[in-house]
Protein backbone atom coordinates (compact mmCIF):
# COMPACT_ATOMS: atom_id res chain seq x y z
CA MET A 1 86.17 177.42 73.97
CA LYS A 2 88.76 177.11 76.68
CA LYS A 3 86.04 176.61 79.31
CA LEU A 4 84.43 173.85 77.24
CA PHE A 5 87.78 172.08 76.84
CA LYS A 6 88.45 172.27 80.56
CA LYS A 7 85.03 170.86 81.40
CA SER A 8 85.45 167.95 78.93
CA PHE A 9 88.96 167.19 80.12
CA GLY A 10 87.79 167.21 83.71
CA LYS A 11 84.99 164.74 82.96
CA ILE A 12 87.39 162.45 81.12
CA ALA A 13 89.89 162.57 83.98
CA ILE A 14 87.22 161.75 86.53
CA PHE A 15 85.95 158.87 84.38
CA GLY A 16 89.52 157.54 84.06
CA ILE A 17 90.07 157.70 87.80
CA VAL A 18 86.80 155.88 88.44
CA CYS A 19 87.77 153.14 85.95
CA ILE A 20 91.17 152.71 87.59
CA LEU A 21 89.56 152.45 91.03
CA LEU A 22 87.00 149.92 89.77
CA PHE A 23 89.76 147.86 88.14
CA ALA A 24 91.77 147.92 91.36
CA VAL A 25 88.75 146.79 93.40
CA ILE A 26 87.96 143.97 90.95
CA SER A 27 91.60 142.87 90.94
CA CYS A 28 91.66 142.81 94.74
CA ASP A 29 88.45 140.79 94.82
CA ARG A 30 89.96 138.27 92.38
CA LYS A 31 93.10 138.00 94.46
CA ASN A 32 90.95 137.30 97.50
CA GLU A 33 89.03 134.55 95.71
CA PRO A 34 89.97 131.10 97.08
CA GLN A 35 92.24 129.19 94.69
CA PRO A 36 91.32 125.58 93.85
CA LEU A 37 93.15 123.07 96.04
CA SER A 38 95.67 120.87 94.30
CA SER A 39 95.09 117.12 93.98
CA GLU A 40 98.77 116.47 93.20
CA LYS A 41 100.32 113.78 95.40
CA GLU A 42 103.11 112.33 93.33
CA ILE A 43 106.42 110.94 94.55
CA ILE A 44 109.11 113.28 93.22
CA SER A 45 112.15 111.44 94.58
CA PHE A 46 113.21 108.66 96.96
CA THR A 47 116.56 108.30 98.73
CA VAL A 48 117.87 106.35 101.71
CA ASP A 49 121.31 105.72 103.21
CA GLY A 50 123.21 102.97 101.39
CA LEU A 51 120.83 103.02 98.42
CA ILE A 52 122.04 100.99 95.43
CA GLU A 53 118.88 101.10 93.33
CA TYR A 54 115.13 101.25 93.59
CA THR A 55 112.07 100.63 91.45
CA MET A 56 108.57 101.99 91.84
CA SER A 57 105.32 100.51 90.59
CA ILE A 58 101.83 102.03 90.64
CA PHE A 59 98.74 99.98 91.43
CA GLU A 60 95.34 100.99 90.12
CA TYR A 61 92.52 102.48 92.15
CA VAL A 62 90.58 99.74 93.91
CA ASP A 63 88.59 101.37 96.72
CA ARG A 64 87.34 104.72 97.99
CA ASP A 65 90.15 105.34 100.48
CA TYR A 66 93.06 105.86 98.10
CA GLU A 67 93.26 107.03 94.50
CA PHE A 68 96.30 104.85 93.90
CA ALA A 69 98.94 102.82 95.71
CA ALA A 70 102.65 102.82 94.96
CA HIS A 71 105.25 100.21 95.89
CA ILE A 72 108.90 101.14 96.21
CA HIS A 73 111.39 98.25 96.20
CA ALA A 74 114.82 99.47 97.29
CA VAL A 75 118.17 97.67 97.52
CA VAL A 76 120.74 98.98 100.00
CA SER A 77 124.37 98.10 100.64
CA PHE A 78 125.07 94.97 102.67
CA GLU A 79 126.38 96.84 105.75
CA THR A 80 123.16 98.89 106.06
CA ASP A 81 121.20 98.44 109.30
CA LEU A 82 117.67 97.60 108.17
CA ALA A 83 116.35 98.10 111.72
CA SER A 84 116.87 101.87 111.56
CA LEU A 85 116.59 103.46 108.14
CA ALA A 86 115.24 106.93 107.36
CA PRO A 87 113.94 107.16 103.78
CA HIS A 88 113.70 110.67 102.33
CA ILE A 89 110.61 110.89 100.15
CA VAL A 90 109.89 114.15 98.33
CA VAL A 91 106.26 114.59 97.28
CA SER A 92 104.30 117.12 95.22
CA PRO A 93 104.34 120.76 96.40
CA GLY A 94 101.56 121.33 98.91
CA ALA A 95 101.18 117.60 99.68
CA THR A 96 102.21 116.00 102.97
CA ILE A 97 103.46 112.51 103.82
CA SER A 98 102.93 110.48 106.99
CA PRO A 99 105.04 109.20 108.68
CA GLU A 100 107.24 112.19 107.95
CA SER A 101 110.08 111.83 105.49
CA GLY A 102 113.46 111.36 107.15
CA ILE A 103 112.14 109.62 110.27
CA PRO A 104 113.95 106.29 111.03
CA GLN A 105 111.84 103.17 110.44
CA ASN A 106 112.39 99.46 111.05
CA PHE A 107 112.65 97.53 107.77
CA SER A 108 113.98 94.29 109.27
CA GLY A 109 111.80 91.20 109.53
CA ILE A 110 108.64 92.29 107.73
CA ARG A 111 110.65 94.90 105.79
CA ARG A 112 107.70 97.02 104.69
CA VAL A 113 106.58 100.43 105.91
CA GLU A 114 103.42 102.16 104.77
CA TYR A 115 103.26 105.90 104.05
CA ILE A 116 100.20 108.01 103.24
CA ILE A 117 100.49 111.02 100.91
CA THR A 118 97.74 113.63 101.36
CA ALA A 119 97.17 116.28 98.70
CA GLU A 120 95.90 119.81 99.39
CA ASP A 121 92.36 118.69 98.50
CA ALA A 122 92.62 115.86 101.10
CA THR A 123 92.74 113.06 98.53
CA THR A 124 95.26 110.39 99.45
CA ALA A 125 97.65 107.81 98.03
CA ARG A 126 99.29 104.90 99.81
CA VAL A 127 103.00 104.13 99.42
CA VAL A 128 104.50 100.85 100.65
CA VAL A 129 108.29 100.74 100.92
CA PHE A 130 110.25 97.46 100.85
CA ILE A 131 114.00 97.52 101.54
CA ARG A 132 116.36 94.56 101.14
CA LEU A 133 120.06 93.76 101.06
CA PRO A 134 121.94 92.93 97.84
CA SER A 135 122.60 89.33 98.90
CA GLU A 136 118.86 88.69 98.56
CA LEU A 137 119.02 89.59 94.88
CA GLN A 138 120.43 86.13 94.26
CA VAL A 139 117.07 84.63 95.25
CA PRO A 140 114.43 86.28 93.05
CA HIS A 141 111.46 84.16 94.15
CA TYR A 142 109.63 84.55 97.45
CA TYR A 143 106.25 84.25 99.12
CA TRP A 144 104.59 85.94 102.08
CA PHE A 145 104.13 84.16 105.43
CA ARG A 146 102.72 86.01 108.44
CA GLY A 147 103.66 89.31 106.89
CA GLU A 148 107.25 88.34 106.21
CA ARG A 149 108.83 87.71 102.84
CA ILE A 150 110.23 84.17 102.64
CA TYR A 151 112.77 83.62 99.88
CA LEU A 152 112.86 80.42 97.86
CA THR A 153 115.53 78.40 96.07
CA MET A 154 114.50 77.01 92.71
CA ASN A 155 114.66 73.33 91.97
CA THR A 156 115.89 73.28 88.39
CA ASP A 157 114.95 69.67 87.61
CA TYR A 158 111.17 69.98 87.16
CA VAL A 159 108.38 72.30 86.08
CA HIS A 160 104.59 72.04 85.89
CA VAL A 161 102.76 73.31 82.80
CA ILE A 162 99.17 73.58 81.63
CA VAL A 163 99.27 72.19 78.11
CA ASP A 164 97.63 73.42 74.93
CA ASP A 165 97.09 71.82 71.53
CA GLY A 166 100.27 70.54 69.93
CA PHE A 167 102.16 70.31 73.20
CA ARG A 168 103.16 66.64 72.94
CA GLU A 169 104.54 67.15 69.44
CA PHE A 170 106.45 70.17 70.72
CA VAL A 171 107.99 68.16 73.58
CA ASP A 172 108.81 65.16 71.37
CA SER A 173 110.69 67.45 68.98
CA SER A 174 112.81 68.97 71.75
CA SER A 175 115.71 67.52 73.73
CA LEU A 176 115.06 69.98 76.58
CA PHE A 177 112.05 68.25 78.11
CA GLN A 178 110.85 64.86 79.27
CA ILE A 179 107.23 64.24 80.31
CA ILE A 180 107.06 62.64 83.78
CA SER A 181 103.31 62.52 84.39
CA GLU A 182 100.10 63.80 82.86
CA GLN A 183 97.69 62.61 85.57
CA ILE A 184 97.64 64.55 88.81
CA GLN A 185 94.82 65.95 90.87
CA ILE A 186 94.85 69.38 89.23
CA GLN A 187 93.43 68.65 85.79
CA GLY A 188 95.43 69.63 82.75
CA ILE A 189 98.81 69.98 84.45
CA VAL A 190 101.81 68.08 83.12
CA LYS A 191 105.02 67.56 85.06
CA LEU A 192 108.17 67.97 82.98
CA ARG A 193 111.70 66.91 83.77
CA LEU A 194 114.08 69.55 82.45
CA ARG A 195 117.25 67.60 83.22
CA PRO A 196 117.42 64.19 81.55
CA GLU A 197 118.96 61.43 83.65
CA GLY A 198 122.75 61.56 83.77
CA ARG A 199 123.09 65.18 82.71
CA PRO A 200 124.51 67.95 84.94
CA LYS A 201 122.08 69.96 87.04
CA LEU A 202 120.85 73.13 85.37
CA THR A 203 121.81 76.53 86.72
CA VAL A 204 118.97 78.90 87.68
CA SER A 205 119.79 80.98 84.61
CA GLU A 206 119.51 77.94 82.33
CA TYR A 207 116.29 76.88 84.07
CA LEU A 208 114.70 80.32 83.55
CA GLU A 209 115.76 80.30 79.89
CA ILE A 210 113.95 77.00 79.36
CA ILE A 211 110.86 78.39 81.12
CA ASP A 212 110.95 81.32 78.70
CA VAL A 213 111.09 78.85 75.80
CA LEU A 214 107.96 77.18 77.18
CA LYS A 215 106.14 80.48 77.68
CA GLN A 216 106.93 81.62 74.14
CA SER A 217 106.11 78.30 72.51
CA GLY A 218 102.39 78.96 72.31
CA LYS A 219 101.85 75.38 73.53
CA VAL A 220 101.33 76.08 77.25
CA ARG A 221 98.93 78.31 79.20
CA GLY A 222 100.74 78.24 82.53
CA VAL A 223 104.23 77.53 83.87
CA PHE A 224 104.71 76.57 87.52
CA PRO A 225 108.22 76.22 88.99
CA PHE A 226 109.43 73.82 91.68
CA PHE A 227 111.37 74.85 94.79
CA GLU A 228 113.83 73.09 97.06
CA ARG A 229 112.92 71.88 100.55
CA GLY A 230 116.34 70.62 101.57
CA GLY A 231 117.35 67.52 103.51
CA GLY A 232 116.79 65.21 100.56
CA ILE A 233 113.03 65.86 100.68
CA ALA A 234 111.10 66.02 97.40
CA PRO A 235 110.77 69.59 96.07
CA ILE A 236 107.54 71.52 96.45
CA ALA A 237 105.50 72.35 93.37
CA THR A 238 103.24 75.25 92.47
CA SER A 239 100.10 75.60 90.40
CA TYR A 240 97.55 78.29 89.54
CA VAL A 241 95.49 77.93 92.75
CA PHE A 242 96.04 80.06 95.86
CA TYR A 243 94.25 81.09 99.03
CA LEU A 244 93.48 84.58 100.35
CA LYS A 245 92.17 85.89 103.65
CA LEU A 246 90.17 89.11 103.84
CA LYS A 247 90.70 91.65 106.60
CA GLU A 248 86.95 92.09 107.02
CA ILE A 249 83.85 90.43 105.57
CA ASP A 250 82.95 93.56 103.60
CA ASP A 251 86.33 93.45 101.82
CA ILE A 252 84.85 90.88 99.45
CA ALA A 253 83.82 93.85 97.28
CA ILE A 254 87.47 94.92 97.00
CA LEU A 255 88.53 91.35 96.25
CA LYS A 256 86.01 91.12 93.43
CA ARG A 257 87.24 94.36 91.85
CA VAL A 258 90.93 93.44 92.04
CA ALA A 259 90.28 89.90 90.78
CA GLU A 260 88.14 91.12 87.88
CA ARG A 261 90.74 93.64 86.73
CA HIS A 262 93.38 90.94 86.46
CA ASN A 263 91.14 88.12 85.25
CA VAL A 264 91.66 86.07 88.43
CA GLN A 265 88.78 83.75 89.28
CA ILE A 266 87.27 83.61 92.77
CA VAL A 267 86.60 79.88 92.94
CA ARG A 268 84.71 79.78 96.23
CA GLN A 269 84.74 80.64 99.91
CA VAL A 270 86.46 78.11 102.17
CA PRO A 271 83.77 76.26 104.19
CA TYR A 272 83.51 77.35 107.84
CA MET A 273 86.19 80.02 107.27
CA PRO A 274 84.23 83.12 106.14
CA LEU A 275 87.29 85.32 105.55
CA TRP A 276 89.17 82.78 103.39
CA TYR A 277 88.71 82.32 99.64
CA ILE A 278 90.16 80.01 97.00
CA LEU A 279 91.29 81.79 93.84
CA SER A 280 92.57 80.63 90.48
CA ALA A 281 95.13 82.49 88.38
CA GLN A 282 94.51 80.28 85.34
CA GLY A 283 93.99 82.49 82.29
CA SER A 284 95.07 85.62 84.19
CA ILE A 285 98.07 87.92 83.74
CA PHE A 286 99.96 85.82 86.32
CA TRP A 287 101.95 82.72 85.38
CA ASN A 288 101.59 80.91 88.71
CA SER A 289 100.13 81.05 92.21
CA ILE A 290 103.23 82.69 93.71
CA GLU A 291 103.11 85.66 91.33
CA ALA A 292 99.38 86.06 91.88
CA SER A 293 99.35 85.68 95.66
CA ASN A 294 102.30 88.07 96.05
CA TYR A 295 100.53 90.70 93.97
CA PHE A 296 97.30 90.45 95.95
CA PHE A 297 99.11 90.63 99.30
CA GLU A 298 101.31 93.54 98.24
CA THR A 299 98.29 95.68 97.38
CA GLY A 300 97.85 95.93 101.16
CA TYR A 301 94.11 95.33 100.96
CA PHE A 302 94.10 91.76 102.27
CA ASP A 303 95.15 90.10 105.52
CA THR A 304 97.23 87.20 104.25
CA VAL A 305 97.73 84.83 101.32
CA ASP A 306 98.82 81.23 100.82
CA PRO A 307 100.32 80.17 97.44
CA ALA A 308 99.06 76.60 98.02
CA PHE A 309 102.33 74.74 97.61
CA MET A 310 101.99 71.09 96.59
CA PHE A 311 104.14 69.24 99.08
CA THR A 312 103.91 65.46 98.92
CA PHE A 313 103.97 63.29 95.81
CA ARG A 314 103.31 59.55 95.70
CA TYR A 315 103.84 57.60 92.49
CA SER A 316 101.74 54.49 91.90
CA ALA A 317 103.78 51.41 91.14
CA GLY A 318 103.70 50.40 87.48
CA THR A 319 101.97 53.60 86.27
CA ASP A 320 102.80 57.19 85.43
CA SER A 321 100.06 58.54 87.67
CA GLN A 322 100.70 60.40 90.90
CA SER A 323 98.60 61.81 93.70
CA VAL A 324 99.13 65.12 95.45
CA GLN A 325 98.76 66.06 99.07
CA GLN A 326 98.68 69.69 100.19
């Protein structure tokens, strides 16, 4: 009986040892298996010397090179030297960023620096950083010219609108507006005077409040501000039309995708200028050509934009009509 017990115990012990060894081998094999590479490439934090505040917006995927693009708009203290700033950008564990975080960059002039975040699996995201001084916060409107942001001063006397049904009744019932002209070259646009003769000039805040009233009235489909030119020259006007230049001919595919996503119409190619296109923001998510052209340029996918300012106005004697020269 004792011999039988010893033999059985010995077999069980050997079987247990074999199982332990097999488990150890399998565990080692699993540890040696390659782990899936991470696709994480998020921005965890952003800091820079003199930082007052910053905002970050994410743009949707539009081509095969980047899964997404992020824009960081930062405001730094007035004494900050924009020509040599070193943003510190922390990204997802395992991801890398180029140029490296903490390396001084020049944000003066053009004031935009592009970074590329690469995840472990080699997928990428593009980050464009804009840095400005607090004094520029007083001028919220701008456009892009040769890669540089040009700030604008609002003219608070006039506004262009695309009218909808019931608009005239709406204007006649309000003391805020006065119709100047309904016949200009861009069909459907009405020019409104927001400051009746003899009344004090509106502040920008008051002007923007009236624009909000127009937007929320349900009687207009577009609101286009005017901007000062200085020197006693008539202010420049905006509309829903703008121009865009591709970087390469093949980028028309990207333009079509971006335009379709935001309901912007590609009107036509400019004759004899194969890289230039005329676009219309009418019926899109944008209220005017400046908003639309800025968005398209800031995606980084296009060479340049032109918001198509309307510069010169001539009124015909004895009528309310006017012609526009651009």
